[in-house]
Amino acid sequence: MLTSYIRAAMHQARYEIVEDDGSFCGEIPAIRGIWANAKTLEACREELESVLECWVLVSTADHSPIPEIGGNRLEIREVA
């Protein structure tokens, strides 16, 4: 479930080259505030995935809403 969510989110990632320094900037438009910047495209992808994973963990801990992405939904259930 978590892996499917992260894969779906990463498939929606968008990347562009920063003109000032030639680095790469990536974002996941469906999740506001998730972005990364690195010298290479591969490093940017790795950093973006790491940021996404941290965001999911924090959102889970805070019981913050997690948007559905590509039909993938993460639900937090209370354990009795």
N, C-alpha and C. Protein backbone atom coordinates (compact mmCIF):
# COMPACT_ATOMS: atom_id res chain seq x y z
N MET A 1 0.82 -1.18 0.00
CA MET A 1 0.00 0.00 0.00
C MET A 1 0.88 1.26 0.00
N LEU A 2 1.82 1.37 0.91
CA LEU A 2 2.70 2.53 0.99
C LEU A 2 3.58 2.63 -0.26
N THR A 3 4.13 1.51 -0.67
CA THR A 3 4.99 1.50 -1.86
C THR A 3 4.21 1.92 -3.10
N SER A 4 2.99 1.44 -3.24
CA SER A 4 2.15 1.81 -4.38
C SER A 4 1.86 3.30 -4.38
N TYR A 5 1.60 3.85 -3.20
CA TYR A 5 1.32 5.28 -3.08
C TYR A 5 2.54 6.10 -3.51
N ILE A 6 3.70 5.73 -3.00
CA ILE A 6 4.93 6.47 -3.33
C ILE A 6 5.24 6.35 -4.82
N ARG A 7 5.08 5.17 -5.39
CA ARG A 7 5.31 5.00 -6.83
C ARG A 7 4.37 5.88 -7.65
N ALA A 8 3.09 5.89 -7.27
CA ALA A 8 2.11 6.69 -8.00
C ALA A 8 2.45 8.18 -7.90
N ALA A 9 2.85 8.62 -6.73
CA ALA A 9 3.22 10.03 -6.55
C ALA A 9 4.46 10.37 -7.36
N MET A 10 5.45 9.49 -7.37
CA MET A 10 6.68 9.75 -8.11
C MET A 10 6.43 9.75 -9.62
N HIS A 11 5.43 9.00 -10.09
CA HIS A 11 5.08 9.02 -11.51
C HIS A 11 4.49 10.36 -11.92
N GLN A 12 3.96 11.09 -10.95
CA GLN A 12 3.39 12.41 -11.24
C GLN A 12 4.41 13.53 -11.09
N ALA A 13 5.61 13.20 -10.67
CA ALA A 13 6.64 14.21 -10.44
C ALA A 13 6.98 14.95 -11.74
N ARG A 14 7.29 16.22 -11.57
CA ARG A 14 7.71 17.07 -12.69
C ARG A 14 9.08 17.65 -12.36
N TYR A 15 9.92 17.71 -13.37
CA TYR A 15 11.29 18.20 -13.18
C TYR A 15 11.59 19.30 -14.17
N GLU A 16 12.44 20.21 -13.76
CA GLU A 16 12.91 21.24 -14.68
C GLU A 16 14.34 21.62 -14.31
N ILE A 17 15.04 22.15 -15.28
CA ILE A 17 16.41 22.61 -15.06
C ILE A 17 16.36 24.06 -14.59
N VAL A 18 17.10 24.35 -13.54
CA VAL A 18 17.20 25.71 -13.01
C VAL A 18 18.24 26.44 -13.86
N GLU A 19 17.82 27.50 -14.53
CA GLU A 19 18.71 28.20 -15.46
C GLU A 19 19.94 28.80 -14.79
N ASP A 20 19.79 29.28 -13.57
CA ASP A 20 20.90 29.95 -12.89
C ASP A 20 22.13 29.08 -12.70
N ASP A 21 21.90 27.82 -12.32
CA ASP A 21 23.05 26.98 -11.99
C ASP A 21 23.04 25.60 -12.67
N GLY A 22 22.03 25.32 -13.47
CA GLY A 22 21.97 24.05 -14.19
C GLY A 22 21.54 22.87 -13.34
N SER A 23 21.12 23.14 -12.11
CA SER A 23 20.65 22.06 -11.25
C SER A 23 19.23 21.67 -11.65
N PHE A 24 18.70 20.63 -11.02
CA PHE A 24 17.35 20.15 -11.32
C PHE A 24 16.45 20.39 -10.12
N CYS A 25 15.24 20.80 -10.40
CA CYS A 25 14.23 21.01 -9.38
C CYS A 25 13.06 20.09 -9.72
N GLY A 26 12.58 19.38 -8.71
CA GLY A 26 11.46 18.48 -8.93
C GLY A 26 10.35 18.74 -7.93
N GLU A 27 9.12 18.45 -8.33
CA GLU A 27 7.97 18.62 -7.45
C GLU A 27 6.91 17.58 -7.77
N ILE A 28 6.02 17.38 -6.81
CA ILE A 28 4.86 16.52 -7.01
C ILE A 28 3.65 17.44 -6.85
N PRO A 29 3.07 17.88 -7.97
CA PRO A 29 2.00 18.88 -7.92
C PRO A 29 0.81 18.52 -7.04
N ALA A 30 0.49 17.24 -6.93
CA ALA A 30 -0.68 16.82 -6.14
C ALA A 30 -0.48 17.00 -4.64
N ILE A 31 0.78 17.19 -4.23
CA ILE A 31 1.08 17.35 -2.80
C ILE A 31 1.84 18.66 -2.63
N ARG A 32 1.14 19.63 -2.16
CA ARG A 32 1.69 20.97 -2.00
C ARG A 32 2.90 20.99 -1.07
N GLY A 33 3.96 21.64 -1.51
CA GLY A 33 5.14 21.80 -0.68
C GLY A 33 6.17 20.70 -0.80
N ILE A 34 5.91 19.70 -1.61
CA ILE A 34 6.87 18.61 -1.80
C ILE A 34 7.73 18.95 -3.01
N TRP A 35 9.01 19.25 -2.76
CA TRP A 35 9.92 19.58 -3.85
C TRP A 35 11.35 19.23 -3.43
N ALA A 36 12.23 19.17 -4.40
CA ALA A 36 13.64 18.88 -4.15
C ALA A 36 14.48 19.58 -5.21
N ASN A 37 15.75 19.77 -4.90
CA ASN A 37 16.69 20.39 -5.82
C ASN A 37 18.03 19.68 -5.67
N ALA A 38 18.65 19.33 -6.80
CA ALA A 38 19.95 18.66 -6.77
C ALA A 38 20.70 18.92 -8.07
N LYS A 39 21.99 18.59 -8.07
CA LYS A 39 22.83 18.86 -9.22
C LYS A 39 22.51 17.99 -10.44
N THR A 40 22.03 16.77 -10.20
CA THR A 40 21.70 15.87 -11.31
C THR A 40 20.22 15.46 -11.22
N LEU A 41 19.68 15.00 -12.32
CA LEU A 41 18.29 14.57 -12.35
C LEU A 41 18.09 13.37 -11.42
N GLU A 42 19.00 12.41 -11.46
CA GLU A 42 18.87 11.23 -10.61
C GLU A 42 18.93 11.61 -9.13
N ALA A 43 19.83 12.50 -8.76
CA ALA A 43 19.92 12.94 -7.36
C ALA A 43 18.65 13.68 -6.95
N CYS A 44 18.09 14.44 -7.88
CA CYS A 44 16.84 15.16 -7.60
C CYS A 44 15.70 14.17 -7.37
N ARG A 45 15.62 13.14 -8.19
CA ARG A 45 14.59 12.10 -8.02
C ARG A 45 14.72 11.43 -6.66
N GLU A 46 15.94 11.07 -6.29
CA GLU A 46 16.17 10.42 -5.00
C GLU A 46 15.79 11.33 -3.84
N GLU A 47 16.17 12.58 -3.94
CA GLU A 47 15.85 13.54 -2.88
C GLU A 47 14.33 13.76 -2.79
N LEU A 48 13.68 13.87 -3.93
CA LEU A 48 12.23 14.06 -3.95
C LEU A 48 11.51 12.87 -3.30
N GLU A 49 11.96 11.67 -3.60
CA GLU A 49 11.35 10.49 -2.99
C GLU A 49 11.57 10.49 -1.48
N SER A 50 12.73 10.89 -1.04
CA SER A 50 13.01 10.96 0.39
C SER A 50 12.13 11.99 1.08
N VAL A 51 11.96 13.15 0.45
CA VAL A 51 11.08 14.19 0.99
C VAL A 51 9.65 13.67 1.07
N LEU A 52 9.20 12.98 0.04
CA LEU A 52 7.85 12.41 0.02
C LEU A 52 7.67 11.41 1.16
N GLU A 53 8.64 10.52 1.34
CA GLU A 53 8.55 9.54 2.42
C GLU A 53 8.45 10.22 3.79
N CYS A 54 9.27 11.23 4.03
CA CYS A 54 9.22 11.97 5.30
C CYS A 54 7.87 12.65 5.47
N TRP A 55 7.36 13.24 4.40
CA TRP A 55 6.07 13.91 4.46
C TRP A 55 4.96 12.93 4.83
N VAL A 56 4.99 11.73 4.24
CA VAL A 56 3.98 10.71 4.56
C VAL A 56 4.06 10.34 6.03
N LEU A 57 5.26 10.15 6.55
CA LEU A 57 5.42 9.79 7.96
C LEU A 57 4.91 10.89 8.89
N VAL A 58 5.26 12.13 8.61
CA VAL A 58 4.81 13.25 9.44
C VAL A 58 3.29 13.40 9.34
N SER A 59 2.76 13.31 8.14
CA SER A 59 1.31 13.43 7.95
C SER A 59 0.57 12.32 8.69
N THR A 60 1.13 11.15 8.66
CA THR A 60 0.53 10.02 9.38
C THR A 60 0.55 10.28 10.89
N ALA A 61 1.68 10.70 11.39
CA ALA A 61 1.81 10.96 12.84
C ALA A 61 0.89 12.08 13.29
N ASP A 62 0.71 13.09 12.45
CA ASP A 62 -0.14 14.24 12.79
C ASP A 62 -1.61 14.01 12.47
N HIS A 63 -1.92 12.88 11.84
CA HIS A 63 -3.28 12.59 11.36
C HIS A 63 -3.75 13.67 10.39
N SER A 64 -2.80 14.18 9.60
CA SER A 64 -3.11 15.17 8.56
C SER A 64 -3.67 14.45 7.34
N PRO A 65 -4.49 15.15 6.55
CA PRO A 65 -5.04 14.50 5.35
C PRO A 65 -3.94 14.18 4.33
N ILE A 66 -4.06 13.03 3.73
CA ILE A 66 -3.12 12.59 2.70
C ILE A 66 -3.93 12.41 1.42
N PRO A 67 -3.62 13.20 0.38
CA PRO A 67 -4.44 13.14 -0.84
C PRO A 67 -4.32 11.80 -1.57
N GLU A 68 -5.40 11.41 -2.20
CA GLU A 68 -5.38 10.23 -3.06
C GLU A 68 -4.58 10.56 -4.30
N ILE A 69 -3.76 9.62 -4.73
CA ILE A 69 -2.95 9.83 -5.93
C ILE A 69 -3.06 8.60 -6.81
N GLY A 70 -3.52 8.81 -8.02
CA GLY A 70 -3.63 7.73 -8.98
C GLY A 70 -4.42 6.53 -8.48
N GLY A 71 -5.47 6.80 -7.72
CA GLY A 71 -6.29 5.73 -7.17
C GLY A 71 -5.72 5.10 -5.92
N ASN A 72 -4.59 5.61 -5.46
CA ASN A 72 -3.95 5.09 -4.24
C ASN A 72 -4.28 6.00 -3.07
N ARG A 73 -4.73 5.38 -1.99
CA ARG A 73 -5.11 6.14 -0.81
C ARG A 73 -4.48 5.51 0.42
N LEU A 74 -3.98 6.35 1.31
CA LEU A 74 -3.45 5.88 2.58
C LEU A 74 -4.45 6.25 3.66
N GLU A 75 -4.85 5.26 4.42
CA GLU A 75 -5.81 5.51 5.50
C GLU A 75 -5.14 5.17 6.83
N ILE A 76 -5.35 6.03 7.80
CA ILE A 76 -4.82 5.82 9.13
C ILE A 76 -5.97 5.32 10.00
N ARG A 77 -5.77 4.16 10.58
CA ARG A 77 -6.80 3.60 11.44
C ARG A 77 -6.30 3.57 12.87
N GLU A 78 -7.18 3.91 13.78
CA GLU A 78 -6.87 3.87 15.21
C GLU A 78 -6.84 2.41 15.67
N VAL A 79 -5.86 2.09 16.47
CA VAL A 79 -5.78 0.76 17.05
C VAL A 79 -6.36 0.81 18.45
N ALA A 80 -7.31 -0.07 18.73
CA ALA A 80 -7.97 -0.06 20.04
C ALA A 80 -7.17 -0.77 21.09
